[in-house]
Protein backbone atom coordinates (compact mmCIF):
# COMPACT_ATOMS: atom_id res chain seq x y z
CA MET A 1 68.06 -6.43 -85.10
CA THR A 2 68.92 -5.69 -81.51
CA ASN A 3 67.15 -7.34 -78.61
CA GLU A 4 65.44 -4.02 -77.81
CA GLU A 5 64.06 -3.77 -81.35
CA ILE A 6 62.76 -7.34 -81.22
CA GLN A 7 61.07 -6.64 -77.88
CA GLY A 8 59.54 -3.53 -79.40
CA LEU A 9 57.95 -5.67 -82.10
CA PHE A 10 56.69 -8.08 -79.45
CA PHE A 11 54.94 -5.28 -77.56
CA GLN A 12 53.42 -3.90 -80.75
CA GLU A 13 51.99 -7.31 -81.48
CA CYS A 14 50.77 -7.51 -77.88
CA ASP A 15 48.78 -4.35 -78.60
CA GLU A 16 47.30 -5.92 -81.72
CA GLY A 17 46.40 -9.10 -79.84
CA LEU A 18 44.82 -7.16 -76.97
CA ALA A 19 42.73 -5.15 -79.41
CA ALA A 20 41.48 -8.31 -81.12
CA ALA A 21 40.76 -9.98 -77.76
CA GLU A 22 38.82 -6.97 -76.48
CA ALA A 23 36.71 -6.89 -79.64
CA ALA A 24 35.92 -10.57 -79.16
CA LEU A 25 35.04 -10.03 -75.50
CA MET A 26 32.67 -7.23 -76.47
CA ALA A 27 31.03 -9.61 -78.94
CA CYS A 28 30.56 -12.10 -76.09
CA ARG A 29 28.98 -9.40 -73.97
CA THR A 30 26.45 -8.47 -76.65
CA GLY A 31 25.64 -12.09 -77.42
CA GLY A 32 27.08 -11.99 -80.93
CA HIS A 33 29.68 -14.68 -80.38
CA ASP A 34 30.38 -18.25 -81.37
CA GLY A 35 33.13 -20.81 -80.81
CA GLU A 36 35.57 -18.92 -83.01
CA THR A 37 35.12 -15.79 -80.89
CA ILE A 38 36.39 -17.64 -77.82
CA ASN A 39 39.21 -19.11 -79.89
CA GLN A 40 40.25 -15.63 -80.94
CA ILE A 41 40.61 -14.54 -77.30
CA PHE A 42 42.47 -17.75 -76.49
CA ARG A 43 44.92 -17.33 -79.36
CA ALA A 44 45.68 -13.73 -78.36
CA VAL A 45 46.44 -14.69 -74.76
CA HIS A 46 48.40 -17.76 -75.87
CA SER A 47 50.57 -15.70 -78.23
CA ILE A 48 51.35 -13.18 -75.51
CA LYS A 49 52.27 -16.03 -73.17
CA GLY A 50 54.62 -17.53 -75.73
CA GLY A 51 56.41 -14.24 -76.32
CA ALA A 52 56.61 -13.50 -72.61
CA GLY A 53 58.26 -16.85 -72.05
CA ALA A 54 60.74 -16.26 -74.85
CA PHE A 55 61.87 -12.97 -73.31
CA GLY A 56 61.80 -14.17 -69.72
CA PHE A 57 58.90 -11.96 -68.59
CA SER A 58 57.89 -14.39 -65.86
CA ALA A 59 55.08 -12.37 -64.23
CA LEU A 60 53.37 -11.77 -67.60
CA GLN A 61 53.85 -15.40 -68.59
CA SER A 62 52.41 -16.69 -65.30
CA PHE A 63 49.32 -14.50 -65.49
CA THR A 64 48.58 -15.40 -69.10
CA HIS A 65 48.97 -19.07 -68.22
CA HIS A 66 46.15 -18.93 -65.66
CA PHE A 67 43.98 -16.77 -67.92
CA GLU A 68 44.58 -19.19 -70.78
CA THR A 69 43.52 -22.14 -68.61
CA VAL A 70 40.08 -20.62 -68.03
CA LEU A 71 39.71 -19.71 -71.70
CA ASP A 72 40.60 -23.26 -72.68
CA LEU A 73 37.86 -24.62 -70.42
CA VAL A 74 35.32 -22.24 -71.94
CA ARG A 75 36.25 -22.98 -75.54
CA GLY A 76 36.22 -26.71 -74.83
CA GLY A 77 32.74 -26.55 -73.31
CA ASP A 78 33.91 -27.53 -69.81
CA LEU A 79 33.04 -24.15 -68.26
CA ALA A 80 29.81 -22.30 -68.84
CA LEU A 81 30.12 -18.81 -70.32
CA SER A 82 27.93 -17.33 -67.60
CA ASP A 83 27.69 -13.64 -66.70
CA ASP A 84 30.08 -14.22 -63.79
CA VAL A 85 32.63 -15.96 -66.00
CA LEU A 86 32.38 -13.22 -68.64
CA THR A 87 32.89 -10.57 -65.96
CA LEU A 88 35.98 -12.46 -64.75
CA MET A 89 37.31 -12.62 -68.32
CA PHE A 90 36.91 -8.86 -68.67
CA ARG A 91 38.70 -8.27 -65.36
CA ALA A 92 41.47 -10.66 -66.35
CA PHE A 93 41.80 -8.93 -69.71
CA ASP A 94 42.15 -5.52 -68.06
CA ARG A 95 44.79 -6.86 -65.70
CA LEU A 96 46.58 -8.50 -68.65
CA ALA A 97 46.73 -5.10 -70.35
CA ASP A 98 48.22 -3.70 -67.12
CA HIS A 99 50.82 -6.48 -67.13
CA VAL A 100 51.81 -5.70 -70.72
CA ALA A 101 52.09 -1.98 -69.95
CA ALA A 102 54.17 -2.59 -66.81
CA THR A 103 56.46 -5.02 -68.62
CA ARG A 104 56.97 -2.61 -71.49
CA ALA A 105 57.81 0.24 -69.08
CA ARG A 106 60.03 -2.03 -66.96
CA LEU A 107 57.90 -1.35 -63.89
CA ALA A 108 56.85 -3.69 -61.09
CA PRO A 109 54.05 -6.08 -62.10
CA PRO A 110 50.53 -4.99 -61.12
CA ASP A 111 48.81 -6.56 -58.13
CA ASP A 112 47.03 -9.53 -59.64
CA GLY A 113 46.50 -11.66 -56.53
CA GLU A 114 42.72 -11.32 -56.42
CA ILE A 115 42.25 -11.99 -60.13
CA LEU A 116 44.64 -14.96 -60.03
CA ALA A 117 42.68 -16.48 -57.16
CA LEU A 118 39.45 -16.13 -59.15
CA LEU A 119 41.08 -17.60 -62.26
CA ARG A 120 42.39 -20.58 -60.29
CA ALA A 121 38.94 -21.16 -58.81
CA ALA A 122 37.28 -20.93 -62.21
CA GLY A 123 39.95 -23.21 -63.66
CA SER A 124 38.87 -26.00 -61.29
CA PRO A 125 35.07 -26.12 -61.73
CA ALA A 126 32.95 -28.47 -59.68
CA PRO A 127 31.99 -31.69 -61.51
CA SER A 128 28.31 -30.81 -61.28
CA GLN A 129 28.73 -27.41 -62.87
CA PRO A 130 26.46 -26.91 -65.92
CA VAL A 131 28.31 -26.59 -69.18
CA LEU A 132 27.71 -24.33 -72.15
CA ALA A 133 29.18 -26.06 -75.16
CA VAL A 134 31.42 -23.69 -77.07
CA SER A 135 33.18 -25.63 -79.77
CA ALA A 136 36.88 -25.02 -80.18
CA ALA A 137 37.88 -24.40 -83.77
CA PRO A 138 40.76 -26.57 -84.92
CA CYS A 139 44.14 -24.89 -84.74
CA GLY A 140 45.80 -27.20 -87.22
CA ALA A 141 44.99 -29.06 -90.36
CA ALA A 142 42.01 -31.38 -90.12
CA ASP A 143 41.92 -34.88 -91.51
CA VAL A 144 39.28 -36.18 -93.90
CA THR A 145 36.83 -36.81 -91.05
CA GLY A 146 36.89 -33.16 -90.01
CA LEU A 147 38.78 -33.82 -86.79
CA SER A 148 42.02 -32.01 -86.06
CA PHE A 149 43.32 -34.71 -83.71
CA ASP A 150 43.95 -38.44 -83.55
CA LEU A 151 41.14 -39.75 -81.32
CA ASP A 152 42.74 -43.17 -80.83
CA ALA A 153 46.02 -41.57 -79.81
CA LEU A 154 44.26 -39.31 -77.32
CA LEU A 155 42.38 -42.23 -75.78
CA GLY A 156 45.64 -44.12 -75.54
CA ASP A 157 47.28 -41.19 -73.80
CA LEU A 158 44.40 -40.96 -71.34
CA GLU A 159 44.77 -44.62 -70.50
CA ARG A 160 48.55 -44.40 -70.12
CA ASP A 161 48.42 -41.17 -68.09
CA SER A 162 45.61 -42.19 -65.72
CA PRO A 163 46.37 -41.99 -61.97
CA THR A 164 46.30 -45.77 -61.74
CA ASN A 165 48.99 -46.07 -64.38
CA THR A 166 51.45 -43.23 -63.83
CA PRO A 167 53.84 -43.09 -66.82
CA SER A 168 57.51 -43.59 -66.24
CA GLN A 169 58.75 -43.24 -69.81
CA PRO A 170 59.86 -39.77 -70.86
CA TRP A 171 58.41 -38.05 -73.90
CA LEU A 172 60.32 -38.08 -77.16
CA VAL A 173 59.51 -35.14 -79.44
CA ARG A 174 60.77 -35.02 -83.01
CA PHE A 175 60.15 -31.73 -84.79
CA ARG A 176 61.10 -30.62 -88.28
CA PRO A 177 59.62 -27.43 -89.83
CA GLY A 178 58.18 -27.77 -93.30
CA PRO A 179 59.91 -26.21 -96.32
CA GLY A 180 57.65 -23.13 -96.25
CA ALA A 181 57.52 -22.61 -92.48
CA LEU A 182 59.84 -19.61 -92.38
CA ARG A 183 58.17 -18.02 -95.38
CA HIS A 184 54.86 -18.18 -93.53
CA GLY A 185 56.27 -16.43 -90.50
CA HIS A 186 56.79 -19.37 -88.13
CA GLU A 187 59.71 -19.16 -85.69
CA PRO A 188 61.14 -22.62 -84.83
CA LEU A 189 63.41 -21.15 -82.15
CA LEU A 190 60.40 -19.88 -80.22
CA LEU A 191 58.92 -23.39 -80.20
CA LEU A 192 62.21 -24.88 -79.02
CA ARG A 193 62.32 -22.36 -76.17
CA GLU A 194 58.85 -23.45 -75.08
CA LEU A 195 59.96 -27.09 -75.10
CA ALA A 196 62.94 -26.12 -72.95
CA ALA A 197 60.60 -24.28 -70.57
CA LEU A 198 58.75 -27.58 -70.01
CA GLY A 199 62.02 -29.21 -68.98
CA GLY A 200 62.98 -30.48 -72.40
CA GLU A 201 66.51 -31.66 -73.19
CA LEU A 202 67.93 -31.40 -76.67
CA LEU A 203 69.07 -34.87 -77.75
CA SER A 204 70.10 -34.29 -81.33
CA VAL A 205 69.95 -31.94 -84.30
CA ASP A 206 69.36 -33.45 -87.74
CA HIS A 207 71.27 -31.37 -90.29
CA ALA A 208 71.48 -33.98 -93.04
CA ASP A 209 69.25 -31.95 -95.37
CA ILE A 210 71.42 -28.82 -95.42
CA PRO A 211 72.39 -28.35 -99.09
CA ALA A 212 75.60 -27.02 -100.56
CA LEU A 213 76.14 -23.30 -100.09
CA GLY A 214 75.24 -22.47 -103.69
CA ALA A 215 71.85 -24.20 -103.32
CA LEU A 216 71.05 -22.84 -99.85
CA ASP A 217 67.80 -20.86 -99.62
CA PRO A 218 68.03 -18.48 -96.63
CA ARG A 219 64.25 -18.75 -96.25
CA GLY A 220 64.29 -22.52 -96.28
CA ALA A 221 64.05 -24.86 -93.27
CA TYR A 222 66.63 -27.63 -93.24
CA LEU A 223 67.03 -28.66 -89.58
CA GLY A 224 65.18 -31.09 -87.36
CA TRP A 225 65.37 -31.51 -83.59
CA THR A 226 64.79 -34.32 -81.12
CA PHE A 227 63.91 -33.42 -77.51
CA ARG A 228 63.35 -35.48 -74.40
CA LEU A 229 60.77 -34.19 -71.93
CA PRO A 230 59.92 -35.40 -68.40
CA ALA A 231 57.35 -38.16 -68.15
CA ASP A 232 54.97 -36.13 -65.99
CA VAL A 233 54.48 -33.37 -68.60
CA PRO A 234 50.95 -33.70 -70.07
CA ARG A 235 50.92 -34.58 -73.74
CA ALA A 236 48.42 -31.78 -74.33
CA ALA A 237 50.91 -29.23 -73.01
CA ILE A 238 53.48 -30.40 -75.58
CA ALA A 239 50.99 -30.51 -78.45
CA GLU A 240 49.76 -27.01 -77.55
CA ILE A 241 53.19 -25.58 -78.39
CA PHE A 242 52.81 -26.68 -82.00
CA GLU A 243 49.12 -25.94 -82.54
CA PHE A 244 49.78 -22.90 -84.72
CA VAL A 245 52.21 -24.76 -86.99
CA ALA A 246 50.17 -27.92 -87.51
CA GLY A 247 50.31 -28.80 -91.18
CA GLU A 248 53.56 -26.81 -91.55
CA CYS A 249 55.86 -29.33 -89.89
CA ASP A 250 56.68 -32.98 -89.29
CA LEU A 251 55.93 -33.70 -85.64
CA ALA A 252 56.03 -36.85 -83.54
CA ILE A 253 55.21 -36.97 -79.81
CA GLU A 254 55.57 -40.40 -78.25
CA ARG A 255 56.58 -42.23 -75.12
CA ALA A 256 60.03 -43.76 -75.29
CA ASP A 257 62.08 -46.26 -73.36
CA ALA A 258 64.53 -44.18 -71.35
CA ALA A 259 67.19 -46.85 -71.69
CA ALA A 260 66.98 -46.77 -75.48
CA LEU A 261 67.21 -43.00 -75.75
CA PRO A 262 70.46 -41.46 -76.97
CA ALA A 263 72.42 -39.30 -74.59
CA PRO A 264 71.73 -35.57 -74.68
CA ALA A 265 73.83 -33.61 -77.15
CA PRO A 266 77.08 -32.31 -75.62
CA ALA A 267 76.75 -28.83 -74.22
CA ALA A 268 79.41 -27.55 -76.63
CA HIS A 269 77.11 -28.31 -79.55
CA VAL A 270 73.99 -26.73 -78.07
CA VAL A 271 73.44 -23.35 -79.69
CA SER A 272 72.24 -20.57 -77.39
CA LEU A 273 68.85 -19.57 -78.71
CA PRO A 274 68.48 -15.81 -79.18
CA PRO A 275 65.18 -14.09 -78.42
CA VAL A 276 62.83 -14.25 -81.36
CA ARG A 277 59.74 -12.39 -82.36
CA PRO A 278 56.52 -14.27 -81.61
CA LYS A 279 54.05 -14.31 -84.46
CA ALA A 280 50.46 -13.26 -83.94
CA ALA A 281 47.78 -15.81 -84.74
CA ALA A 282 46.25 -15.75 -88.20
CA SER A 283 42.97 -14.59 -86.65
CA PHE A 284 44.52 -11.18 -86.13
CA ALA A 285 45.50 -10.79 -89.77
CA ALA A 286 45.02 -7.19 -90.84
CA PRO A 287 45.82 -5.34 -94.06
CA GLN A 288 49.52 -5.69 -94.76
CA THR A 289 51.52 -2.99 -93.01
CA ILE A 290 55.09 -2.05 -92.27
CA ARG A 291 56.37 -0.20 -89.22
CA VAL A 292 58.27 2.98 -90.03
CA ASP A 293 59.87 5.44 -87.62
CA LEU A 294 57.65 8.51 -87.27
CA ASP A 295 60.57 10.88 -87.81
CA LYS A 296 61.06 9.36 -91.26
CA LEU A 297 57.39 9.87 -92.10
CA ASP A 298 57.50 13.47 -90.92
CA ARG A 299 60.58 14.07 -93.05
CA LEU A 300 58.81 12.59 -96.08
CA VAL A 301 55.74 14.79 -95.54
CA ASP A 302 57.94 17.89 -95.17
CA LEU A 303 59.82 17.10 -98.38
CA ILE A 304 56.59 16.58 -100.29
CA GLY A 305 55.33 19.92 -98.97
CA ALA A 306 58.51 21.59 -100.17
CA LEU A 307 58.09 19.87 -103.54
CA GLY A 308 54.60 21.31 -103.80
CA LEU A 309 55.88 24.82 -103.19
CA ALA A 310 58.60 24.36 -105.80
CA GLN A 311 56.00 23.12 -108.28
CA THR A 312 53.87 26.22 -107.61
CA ARG A 313 56.84 28.52 -108.21
CA LEU A 314 57.65 26.65 -111.41
CA GLY A 315 54.09 27.12 -112.61
CA LEU A 316 54.27 30.85 -111.99
CA ARG A 317 57.60 31.05 -113.82
CA LEU A 318 56.30 29.14 -116.83
CA GLY A 319 53.16 31.28 -116.81
CA GLY A 320 55.33 34.34 -117.24
CA GLU A 321 56.87 32.69 -120.30
CA GLY A 322 53.49 31.82 -121.77
CA LEU A 323 53.89 28.09 -121.09
CA ALA A 324 51.39 27.61 -118.25
CA GLY A 325 48.93 25.70 -120.44
CA ILE A 326 51.24 22.98 -121.66
CA ALA A 327 50.06 19.39 -121.12
CA GLU A 328 53.16 18.45 -119.12
CA MET A 329 52.41 21.19 -116.59
CA ALA A 330 48.85 19.92 -116.14
CA ASP A 331 50.20 16.43 -115.51
CA LEU A 332 52.68 17.80 -112.97
CA ASP A 333 49.93 19.69 -111.16
CA ARG A 334 47.81 16.55 -110.90
CA LEU A 335 50.67 14.38 -109.71
CA ALA A 336 51.73 16.98 -107.11
CA ARG A 337 48.19 17.14 -105.71
CA ASP A 338 47.91 13.36 -105.54
CA LEU A 339 51.29 13.13 -103.85
CA GLN A 340 50.33 15.75 -101.26
CA HIS A 341 47.05 13.96 -100.51
CA SER A 342 48.87 10.65 -100.11
CA ALA A 343 51.51 12.21 -97.87
CA GLN A 344 48.90 13.77 -95.61
CA ALA A 345 47.04 10.46 -95.41
CA ILE A 346 50.21 8.81 -94.08
CA ARG A 347 49.88 10.95 -90.96
CA THR A 348 46.30 9.93 -90.26
CA GLN A 349 44.92 7.18 -88.05
CA PRO A 350 41.39 5.89 -87.48
CA VAL A 351 39.81 7.27 -84.31
CA GLU A 352 39.46 3.62 -83.28
CA ALA A 353 42.95 4.04 -81.82
CA VAL A 354 41.49 6.23 -79.05
CA PHE A 355 37.90 4.94 -79.04
CA SER A 356 39.12 1.46 -78.11
CA ARG A 357 40.32 2.73 -74.71
CA VAL A 358 36.82 3.81 -73.71
CA HIS A 359 35.49 0.29 -73.15
CA ARG A 360 37.75 -0.26 -70.15
CA ILE A 361 36.94 3.18 -68.73
CA VAL A 362 33.24 2.35 -68.82
CA ARG A 363 33.78 -1.06 -67.19
CA GLU A 364 35.74 0.54 -64.35
CA LEU A 365 33.11 3.26 -63.86
CA GLU A 366 30.37 0.64 -63.72
CA ALA A 367 32.22 -1.12 -60.90
CA GLN A 368 32.82 2.15 -59.00
CA THR A 369 29.32 3.63 -59.35
CA GLY A 370 27.07 0.57 -59.34
CA LYS A 371 25.45 1.79 -62.56
CA ARG A 372 24.71 -0.31 -65.61
CA ILE A 373 26.05 1.11 -68.86
CA ARG A 374 25.77 0.04 -72.49
CA LEU A 375 28.43 1.68 -74.62
CA GLU A 376 27.57 2.24 -78.29
CA VAL A 377 30.43 3.19 -80.63
CA GLU A 378 30.10 4.44 -84.20
CA GLY A 379 32.41 5.88 -86.82
CA GLU A 380 35.61 4.18 -85.64
CA ASP A 381 36.99 4.25 -89.19
CA ILE A 382 36.96 8.08 -89.40
CA GLU A 383 40.56 9.27 -89.73
CA LEU A 384 42.35 12.19 -88.06
CA ASP A 385 45.91 13.43 -87.98
CA ARG A 386 47.92 11.37 -85.52
CA THR A 387 48.73 14.45 -83.41
CA VAL A 388 45.00 15.05 -82.97
CA ILE A 389 44.46 11.38 -82.08
CA GLU A 390 47.13 11.66 -79.40
CA ARG A 391 45.56 14.78 -77.84
CA ILE A 392 41.86 13.90 -77.76
CA GLY A 393 42.30 10.91 -75.46
CA GLU A 394 42.19 12.97 -72.26
CA PRO A 395 39.13 15.07 -73.26
CA LEU A 396 37.22 11.93 -74.22
CA THR A 397 38.09 10.30 -70.90
CA HIS A 398 36.72 13.29 -68.98
CA LEU A 399 33.55 13.38 -71.09
CA ILE A 400 32.88 9.67 -70.61
CA ARG A 401 33.42 9.99 -66.84
CA ASN A 402 31.11 13.01 -66.79
CA SER A 403 28.36 11.15 -68.65
CA VAL A 404 28.50 8.15 -66.34
CA ASP A 405 28.93 10.02 -63.05
CA HIS A 406 26.69 13.06 -63.64
CA GLY A 407 24.41 11.94 -66.46
CA ILE A 408 23.38 8.31 -66.10
CA GLU A 409 21.16 7.58 -63.10
CA LEU A 410 21.36 4.59 -60.77
CA PRO A 411 19.35 1.60 -62.03
CA ALA A 412 16.63 2.00 -59.39
CA ASP A 413 16.25 5.71 -60.15
CA ARG A 414 15.98 5.02 -63.88
CA VAL A 415 13.32 2.38 -63.39
CA ALA A 416 11.38 4.76 -61.10
CA VAL A 417 11.03 7.30 -63.94
CA GLY A 418 10.20 4.69 -66.57
CA LYS A 419 13.63 4.25 -68.12
CA PRO A 420 15.47 0.94 -68.69
CA ALA A 421 17.77 0.07 -65.79
CA GLU A 422 20.71 0.08 -68.22
CA GLY A 423 21.90 3.50 -69.29
CA VAL A 424 23.30 4.23 -72.74
CA VAL A 425 26.49 6.15 -73.52
CA ARG A 426 27.07 6.73 -77.21
CA LEU A 427 30.44 7.63 -78.71
CA ALA A 428 30.30 8.57 -82.38
CA ALA A 429 32.46 10.22 -85.04
CA VAL A 430 31.13 11.66 -88.31
CA HIS A 431 32.42 13.96 -91.02
CA GLY A 432 31.17 17.52 -90.98
CA GLU A 433 32.00 20.39 -93.34
CA GLY A 434 35.80 20.54 -93.18
CA GLU A 435 35.80 19.00 -89.71
CA VAL A 436 35.18 15.82 -87.77
CA LEU A 437 32.45 15.79 -85.15
CA ILE A 438 33.03 13.50 -82.17
CA THR A 439 30.00 13.18 -79.90
CA VAL A 440 29.71 11.75 -76.38
CA GLU A 441 26.04 11.37 -75.60
CA ASP A 442 24.02 9.81 -72.79
CA ASP A 443 20.35 9.16 -72.10
CA GLY A 444 20.60 10.27 -68.46
CA ARG A 445 19.05 13.04 -66.42
CA GLY A 446 20.36 15.94 -68.49
CA ILE A 447 21.86 19.18 -67.13
CA ASP A 448 19.95 20.66 -64.18
CA ARG A 449 20.36 24.28 -65.27
CA ASP A 450 18.63 25.72 -62.18
CA HIS A 451 21.13 23.88 -59.98
CA VAL A 452 24.07 25.03 -62.13
CA ARG A 453 22.92 28.64 -62.00
CA ALA A 454 22.37 28.52 -58.23
CA LEU A 455 25.89 27.14 -57.70
CA ALA A 456 27.35 29.84 -59.94
CA VAL A 457 25.57 32.59 -57.97
CA ASP A 458 26.61 31.05 -54.66
CA ARG A 459 30.26 31.04 -55.77
CA GLY A 460 30.15 34.58 -57.08
CA LEU A 461 30.61 33.61 -60.72
CA VAL A 462 27.50 35.50 -61.85
CA PRO A 463 25.32 38.18 -60.21
CA ALA A 464 22.15 36.97 -58.52
CA ASP A 465 20.00 39.08 -60.84
CA ALA A 466 21.77 37.98 -64.04
CA ARG A 467 19.52 36.68 -66.79
CA LEU A 468 21.29 33.81 -68.53
CA SER A 469 20.23 31.85 -71.59
CA GLU A 470 20.40 28.04 -71.54
CA GLU A 471 23.60 28.16 -73.60
CA GLU A 472 25.20 30.62 -71.14
CA VAL A 473 24.29 28.39 -68.21
CA ASP A 474 25.80 25.39 -70.01
CA GLU A 475 29.01 27.35 -70.52
CA LEU A 476 29.44 27.64 -66.74
CA ILE A 477 30.43 23.98 -66.43
CA PHE A 478 33.68 24.80 -68.28
CA VAL A 479 34.76 27.36 -65.65
CA PRO A 480 37.94 26.12 -63.91
CA GLY A 481 37.13 24.69 -60.48
CA PHE A 482 33.37 24.57 -61.10
CA SER A 483 31.66 21.26 -60.32
CA THR A 484 28.07 20.17 -59.83
CA ALA A 485 29.09 17.04 -57.90
CA ARG A 486 27.35 16.78 -54.52
CA ALA A 487 30.47 15.28 -52.94
CA LEU A 488 34.12 14.79 -53.79
CA SER A 489 34.91 11.32 -55.15
CA SER A 490 37.62 9.53 -57.06
CA ILE A 491 35.63 10.22 -60.24
CA SER A 492 34.64 13.88 -59.97
CA GLY A 493 34.16 16.85 -57.70
CA ARG A 494 37.26 18.99 -58.24
CA GLY A 495 35.98 20.93 -61.25
CA VAL A 496 38.97 20.10 -63.44
CA GLY A 497 37.68 17.73 -66.12
CA MET A 498 35.48 19.97 -68.26
CA ASP A 499 38.02 22.80 -68.18
CA VAL A 500 40.62 20.34 -69.53
CA VAL A 501 38.21 19.30 -72.29
CA ARG A 502 37.74 22.85 -73.55
CA GLN A 503 41.41 23.83 -73.29
CA ASN A 504 42.61 20.75 -75.18
CA VAL A 505 40.01 21.08 -77.92
CA ARG A 506 40.72 24.79 -78.39
CA ALA A 507 44.44 24.03 -78.63
CA LEU A 508 43.58 21.85 -81.64
CA GLY A 509 41.60 24.67 -83.24
CA GLY A 510 38.26 23.08 -82.40
CA ARG A 511 35.22 23.88 -80.32
CA VAL A 512 32.83 22.13 -77.90
CA VAL A 513 29.06 22.21 -78.38
CA ILE A 514 26.59 21.15 -75.65
CA ARG A 515 22.99 20.01 -76.11
CA SER A 516 20.93 18.84 -73.16
CA ARG A 517 17.29 18.10 -72.39
CA PRO A 518 16.17 17.53 -68.81
CA GLY A 519 15.27 13.90 -68.23
CA GLN A 520 16.44 12.82 -71.69
CA GLY A 521 20.19 13.26 -71.73
CA THR A 522 23.18 15.36 -72.72
CA ALA A 523 25.45 15.40 -75.76
CA PHE A 524 28.91 16.96 -75.96
CA THR A 525 30.21 17.38 -79.51
CA LEU A 526 33.85 18.09 -80.25
CA ALA A 527 34.22 19.82 -83.64
CA LEU A 528 37.80 19.21 -84.77
CA PRO A 529 39.26 20.76 -87.95
CA LEU A 530 40.10 18.37 -90.74
CA PRO A 531 43.28 18.95 -92.78
CA PRO A 532 42.29 19.81 -96.38
CA ALA A 533 44.17 16.81 -97.81
CA VAL A 534 42.03 14.46 -95.73
CA ALA A 535 38.68 16.16 -96.33
CA PRO A 536 36.24 14.17 -98.49
CA PRO A 537 35.70 15.57 -102.02
CA PHE A 538 32.14 16.50 -101.13
CA GLN A 539 31.06 17.41 -97.63
CA GLY A 540 27.49 18.23 -96.85
CA LEU A 541 26.70 20.06 -93.64
CA MET A 542 25.94 17.36 -91.10
CA ALA A 543 24.22 18.42 -87.92
CA PRO A 544 25.25 16.66 -84.72
CA PRO A 545 23.14 13.56 -84.08
CA PRO A 546 19.97 14.17 -82.04
CA ILE A 547 19.67 13.40 -78.34
CA LEU A 548 18.86 9.76 -77.69
CA HIS A 549 15.14 9.39 -77.21
CA ARG A 550 13.77 6.59 -75.08
CA ALA A 551 10.18 5.52 -74.63
CA HIS A 552 9.51 6.06 -70.93
CA GLY A 553 6.64 4.07 -69.52
């Protein structure tokens, strides 16, 4: 594989790690979290840091290092998971996603100065700060007592590394992967690069276990390495490198007498370590998948479609010869249908691929508007053709922004009319009859139809004496350039968003349906056609979900 291909795999795994971390953060926000939830976020950030270091992405590596420090304090119980800390973690996560995107596109790193300052401050909590104990799940194999570390060794390290007894002996690290390490996806070269990044020097390579060529298993691990690291490197920083391979290797980390250490291996014998693909933590394990070029998949689908046409022509030909009812033809018909269904399913993706982007949009809108929003998401496993998935992202963004900016009221205004201070935006996908219905719904003020009509008359869109139904008034918000915003802002006011929604949905062969009740909320439903091969065997007519009802005072 080329370096570009390996980097491509790294960025794909960054996306997987970011998705898992965001899901864990959302669990923290809703209160449905435990120690393993924090560990999941930590492992995602740590994996990205390791890969960034391997490829020399210094800005990404530096940011993840500071983010990781705060996460480590939280998972160890040294930093309370307060609302402020959780907000900082969300902001750091969003900026981490920006870093990954900029690195992938080879652009300048995003401005992270403010977030870094907050992370550094949070990473050095005051001694009197209250602590919320969030236990850190062991990353390696535990001993019979249930502990994943040697307590006596740690206490000894603390004593040796205390300020009153500054160590002078360098660290000696001996590392040998276990026989099954490579089979389980571990990359020894990545670990060696991290040791080198801490200032490690390669002293020797143990190759005594390499067998004869005929007995060599290309998936086996036969080498061992000895490194010397500076005395001032914390032992925890060294151990952290190997936390995901604990139990899969022989590892010794100890202080050594510098005078007794062998000289570093000659430079001529030091092999230049190529970039390697970092492995995602086991917490992110998903159903087994392979990555295939989309052009190859499209070619496969086209060929299967052509095969189906040929099978149809064959059936007609055999029918003319009186052979249409033979058992072999029935089997061929069944197999052709199954193959076509399977081929079409290859092109589909869960709508989660686009729904997952909405969480950040809502967080940013909360910060810009001062409103409090609870996002509810349903039906993320509903599948659509990948071309549809790619094209509904922009309409959904506009609808979410519309719901927050125009629909949801400010907290004080909501409380004044008997509503909870926190508004609700609901994003849901369900199967309809031959279509998928995607609904963006809020429990806000609803459409002020009198105001919409007055604006339309004032702008000459409709005659002053025109008698419009509620549906006709609702249709006015899709007119290009029409906006009900009182003032132009960075969120709305130019009258572009809703026009884009309708045009994009129509281009996909779909339609937009509006339902709104004053004081109760508005729902926009996108009805998108479902390819026949993906349609469920039985589809009952499913009406769009009702407007959210809230008990007001």
